[in-house]
């Protein structure tokens, strides 16, 4: 997984309670990206789920929605919530 802090819409206010800042040592002002593998992500998720560390707050902005995909999905089906973590 690539964690790109420059592309995160939570950069700034979300950094104080993000596992990248708290555990991995990235400063809130630091730019750049970090690559972690699936095992590392699973470990961070397990720690966050148990309340030992904050979750990953990475949220990417949606640049566009493909019209064909939106037209094929009936209202209310296939919707997902976008949030932290």
N, C-alpha and C. Protein backbone atom coordinates (compact mmCIF):
# COMPACT_ATOMS: atom_id res chain seq x y z
N UNK A 1 0.85 -1.17 0.00
CA UNK A 1 0.00 0.00 0.00
C UNK A 1 0.89 1.23 0.00
N UNK A 2 0.54 2.18 -0.82
CA UNK A 2 1.26 3.44 -0.87
C UNK A 2 0.48 4.48 -0.08
N UNK A 3 1.10 5.03 0.92
CA UNK A 3 0.50 6.10 1.71
C UNK A 3 1.13 7.40 1.26
N UNK A 4 0.37 8.21 0.56
CA UNK A 4 0.87 9.47 0.02
C UNK A 4 0.25 10.61 0.82
N UNK A 5 1.01 11.13 1.76
CA UNK A 5 0.50 12.19 2.63
C UNK A 5 0.18 13.47 1.86
N UNK A 6 0.89 13.71 0.76
CA UNK A 6 0.62 14.91 -0.04
C UNK A 6 -0.75 14.86 -0.70
N UNK A 7 -1.25 13.67 -0.99
CA UNK A 7 -2.54 13.52 -1.66
C UNK A 7 -3.70 13.33 -0.69
N UNK A 8 -3.42 13.30 0.60
CA UNK A 8 -4.45 13.07 1.61
C UNK A 8 -5.21 14.35 1.91
N UNK A 9 -6.53 14.28 1.83
CA UNK A 9 -7.35 15.46 2.12
C UNK A 9 -7.42 15.75 3.62
N UNK A 10 -6.98 14.79 4.43
CA UNK A 10 -6.96 14.99 5.88
C UNK A 10 -5.65 15.62 6.36
N UNK A 11 -4.72 15.89 5.45
CA UNK A 11 -3.42 16.44 5.83
C UNK A 11 -3.63 17.73 6.61
N UNK A 12 -2.99 17.82 7.70
CA UNK A 12 -3.13 18.97 8.60
C UNK A 12 -3.95 18.57 9.81
N UNK A 13 -5.30 18.71 9.73
CA UNK A 13 -6.12 18.41 10.90
C UNK A 13 -6.14 16.92 11.26
N UNK A 14 -6.01 16.03 10.29
CA UNK A 14 -6.06 14.60 10.57
C UNK A 14 -4.74 14.00 10.98
N UNK A 15 -3.65 14.74 10.81
CA UNK A 15 -2.32 14.19 11.11
C UNK A 15 -2.11 13.89 12.59
N UNK A 16 -2.71 14.67 13.45
CA UNK A 16 -2.50 14.49 14.89
C UNK A 16 -3.00 13.15 15.39
N UNK A 17 -3.99 12.57 14.71
CA UNK A 17 -4.59 11.32 15.15
C UNK A 17 -4.49 10.27 14.04
N UNK A 18 -3.34 10.21 13.38
CA UNK A 18 -3.12 9.24 12.31
C UNK A 18 -1.94 8.35 12.69
N UNK A 19 -2.05 7.08 12.38
CA UNK A 19 -0.99 6.14 12.72
C UNK A 19 0.33 6.51 12.05
N UNK A 20 0.29 7.15 10.92
CA UNK A 20 1.53 7.54 10.23
C UNK A 20 2.32 8.52 11.08
N UNK A 21 1.65 9.47 11.68
CA UNK A 21 2.32 10.46 12.53
C UNK A 21 2.69 9.87 13.88
N UNK A 22 1.75 9.17 14.50
CA UNK A 22 1.93 8.70 15.87
C UNK A 22 2.93 7.55 15.97
N UNK A 23 2.80 6.54 15.13
CA UNK A 23 3.63 5.35 15.26
C UNK A 23 4.81 5.34 14.30
N UNK A 24 4.57 5.74 13.06
CA UNK A 24 5.61 5.63 12.04
C UNK A 24 6.54 6.82 12.02
N UNK A 25 6.23 7.86 12.77
CA UNK A 25 7.16 8.96 12.97
C UNK A 25 7.19 10.03 11.90
N UNK A 26 6.24 10.06 10.99
CA UNK A 26 6.18 11.15 10.02
C UNK A 26 5.71 12.39 10.76
N UNK A 27 6.37 13.51 10.54
CA UNK A 27 5.91 14.77 11.10
C UNK A 27 4.74 15.27 10.26
N UNK A 28 3.83 16.00 10.88
CA UNK A 28 2.67 16.52 10.17
C UNK A 28 3.08 17.42 9.02
N UNK A 29 4.22 18.08 9.14
CA UNK A 29 4.67 19.00 8.09
C UNK A 29 5.40 18.28 6.97
N UNK A 30 5.77 17.04 7.18
CA UNK A 30 6.58 16.31 6.22
C UNK A 30 5.77 15.96 4.97
N UNK A 31 6.38 16.10 3.84
CA UNK A 31 5.76 15.71 2.59
C UNK A 31 6.33 14.37 2.17
N UNK A 32 5.64 13.73 1.28
CA UNK A 32 6.17 12.50 0.72
C UNK A 32 5.22 11.34 0.86
N UNK A 33 5.77 10.17 0.59
CA UNK A 33 4.95 8.98 0.63
C UNK A 33 5.69 7.87 1.36
N UNK A 34 4.95 6.86 1.70
CA UNK A 34 5.46 5.73 2.46
C UNK A 34 4.83 4.48 1.89
N UNK A 35 5.62 3.45 1.68
CA UNK A 35 5.09 2.19 1.17
C UNK A 35 5.17 1.15 2.28
N UNK A 36 4.02 0.52 2.57
CA UNK A 36 3.98 -0.56 3.54
C UNK A 36 3.35 -1.77 2.87
N UNK A 37 3.78 -2.97 3.28
CA UNK A 37 3.24 -4.17 2.65
C UNK A 37 1.97 -4.62 3.37
N UNK A 38 1.36 -5.67 2.84
CA UNK A 38 0.08 -6.16 3.38
C UNK A 38 0.20 -6.63 4.83
N UNK A 39 1.31 -7.27 5.16
CA UNK A 39 1.49 -7.75 6.54
C UNK A 39 1.60 -6.58 7.51
N UNK A 40 2.33 -5.54 7.11
CA UNK A 40 2.46 -4.35 7.97
C UNK A 40 1.11 -3.65 8.12
N UNK A 41 0.34 -3.57 7.03
CA UNK A 41 -0.97 -2.94 7.10
C UNK A 41 -1.90 -3.74 8.01
N UNK A 42 -1.84 -5.06 7.92
CA UNK A 42 -2.67 -5.91 8.79
C UNK A 42 -2.30 -5.71 10.25
N UNK A 43 -1.01 -5.59 10.53
CA UNK A 43 -0.56 -5.37 11.91
C UNK A 43 -1.04 -4.01 12.42
N UNK A 44 -0.92 -2.97 11.60
CA UNK A 44 -1.40 -1.64 12.01
C UNK A 44 -2.91 -1.64 12.22
N UNK A 45 -3.65 -2.34 11.34
CA UNK A 45 -5.10 -2.44 11.50
C UNK A 45 -5.47 -3.14 12.80
N UNK A 46 -4.75 -4.23 13.13
CA UNK A 46 -5.02 -4.97 14.37
C UNK A 46 -4.75 -4.09 15.59
N UNK A 47 -3.67 -3.34 15.56
CA UNK A 47 -3.37 -2.43 16.68
C UNK A 47 -4.43 -1.35 16.80
N UNK A 48 -4.88 -0.81 15.66
CA UNK A 48 -5.90 0.24 15.68
C UNK A 48 -7.24 -0.31 16.15
N UNK A 49 -7.59 -1.51 15.69
CA UNK A 49 -8.86 -2.12 16.10
C UNK A 49 -8.90 -2.40 17.59
N UNK A 50 -7.75 -2.65 18.19
CA UNK A 50 -7.71 -2.91 19.63
C UNK A 50 -7.57 -1.62 20.45
N UNK A 51 -7.43 -0.48 19.77
CA UNK A 51 -7.35 0.80 20.46
C UNK A 51 -5.96 1.18 20.92
N UNK A 52 -4.94 0.44 20.49
CA UNK A 52 -3.59 0.75 20.94
C UNK A 52 -2.93 1.88 20.16
N UNK A 53 -3.34 2.08 18.93
CA UNK A 53 -2.83 3.17 18.10
C UNK A 53 -4.00 3.76 17.32
N UNK A 54 -3.86 4.99 16.85
CA UNK A 54 -4.93 5.54 16.02
C UNK A 54 -4.92 4.87 14.65
N UNK A 55 -6.06 4.89 13.95
CA UNK A 55 -6.12 4.27 12.63
C UNK A 55 -5.44 5.15 11.56
N UNK A 56 -5.27 4.57 10.39
CA UNK A 56 -4.78 5.32 9.25
C UNK A 56 -5.88 6.27 8.81
N UNK A 57 -5.59 7.55 8.73
CA UNK A 57 -6.58 8.57 8.37
C UNK A 57 -6.50 8.98 6.91
N UNK A 58 -5.81 8.21 6.10
CA UNK A 58 -5.61 8.54 4.70
C UNK A 58 -6.93 8.57 3.95
N UNK A 59 -7.24 9.71 3.35
CA UNK A 59 -8.44 9.88 2.55
C UNK A 59 -8.04 10.59 1.27
N UNK A 60 -8.26 9.95 0.14
CA UNK A 60 -7.98 10.58 -1.15
C UNK A 60 -9.24 11.24 -1.68
N UNK A 61 -9.08 12.39 -2.27
CA UNK A 61 -10.20 13.07 -2.90
C UNK A 61 -10.58 12.32 -4.17
N UNK A 62 -11.85 12.31 -4.48
CA UNK A 62 -12.32 11.69 -5.71
C UNK A 62 -12.23 12.74 -6.80
N UNK A 63 -11.47 12.44 -7.85
CA UNK A 63 -11.29 13.43 -8.91
C UNK A 63 -12.44 13.42 -9.89
N UNK A 64 -13.05 12.25 -10.13
CA UNK A 64 -14.18 12.19 -11.04
C UNK A 64 -14.92 10.87 -10.84
N UNK A 65 -16.14 10.83 -11.32
CA UNK A 65 -16.95 9.63 -11.29
C UNK A 65 -17.25 9.26 -12.72
N UNK A 66 -17.03 8.01 -13.08
CA UNK A 66 -17.31 7.58 -14.44
C UNK A 66 -18.82 7.51 -14.64
N UNK A 67 -19.36 8.21 -15.65
CA UNK A 67 -20.81 8.25 -15.85
C UNK A 67 -21.41 6.87 -16.09
N UNK A 68 -20.72 5.99 -16.81
CA UNK A 68 -21.26 4.66 -17.09
C UNK A 68 -21.43 3.84 -15.83
N UNK A 69 -20.48 3.92 -14.92
CA UNK A 69 -20.55 3.15 -13.68
C UNK A 69 -21.69 3.65 -12.80
N UNK A 70 -21.90 4.94 -12.75
CA UNK A 70 -22.98 5.51 -11.94
C UNK A 70 -24.34 5.17 -12.52
N UNK A 71 -24.45 5.11 -13.83
CA UNK A 71 -25.73 4.84 -14.48
C UNK A 71 -26.13 3.37 -14.34
N UNK A 72 -25.16 2.47 -14.20
CA UNK A 72 -25.46 1.05 -14.13
C UNK A 72 -25.86 0.59 -12.73
N UNK A 73 -25.55 1.36 -11.70
CA UNK A 73 -25.86 0.98 -10.33
C UNK A 73 -27.20 1.56 -9.91
N UNK A 74 -28.18 0.70 -9.58
CA UNK A 74 -29.48 1.22 -9.10
C UNK A 74 -29.29 2.02 -7.82
N UNK A 75 -30.18 2.98 -7.60
CA UNK A 75 -30.09 3.85 -6.43
C UNK A 75 -30.04 3.04 -5.15
N UNK A 76 -29.07 3.37 -4.30
CA UNK A 76 -28.95 2.74 -3.01
C UNK A 76 -28.14 1.47 -3.00
N UNK A 77 -27.90 0.86 -4.15
CA UNK A 77 -27.13 -0.37 -4.20
C UNK A 77 -25.67 -0.06 -4.47
N UNK A 78 -24.80 -0.77 -3.81
CA UNK A 78 -23.38 -0.62 -4.07
C UNK A 78 -22.75 0.62 -3.49
N UNK A 79 -23.49 1.36 -2.70
CA UNK A 79 -22.94 2.57 -2.11
C UNK A 79 -22.04 2.21 -0.94
N UNK A 80 -20.95 2.93 -0.82
CA UNK A 80 -20.06 2.71 0.31
C UNK A 80 -19.81 4.03 0.98
N UNK A 81 -19.59 3.97 2.27
CA UNK A 81 -19.29 5.18 3.02
C UNK A 81 -17.81 5.44 2.93
N UNK A 82 -17.43 6.71 2.75
CA UNK A 82 -16.04 7.11 2.73
C UNK A 82 -15.76 7.78 4.06
N UNK A 83 -14.75 7.28 4.75
CA UNK A 83 -14.44 7.85 6.05
C UNK A 83 -12.99 7.60 6.39
N UNK A 84 -12.67 7.72 7.64
CA UNK A 84 -11.29 7.53 8.08
C UNK A 84 -10.97 6.04 8.15
N UNK A 85 -9.68 5.77 7.85
CA UNK A 85 -9.22 4.43 8.01
C UNK A 85 -9.20 3.69 6.82
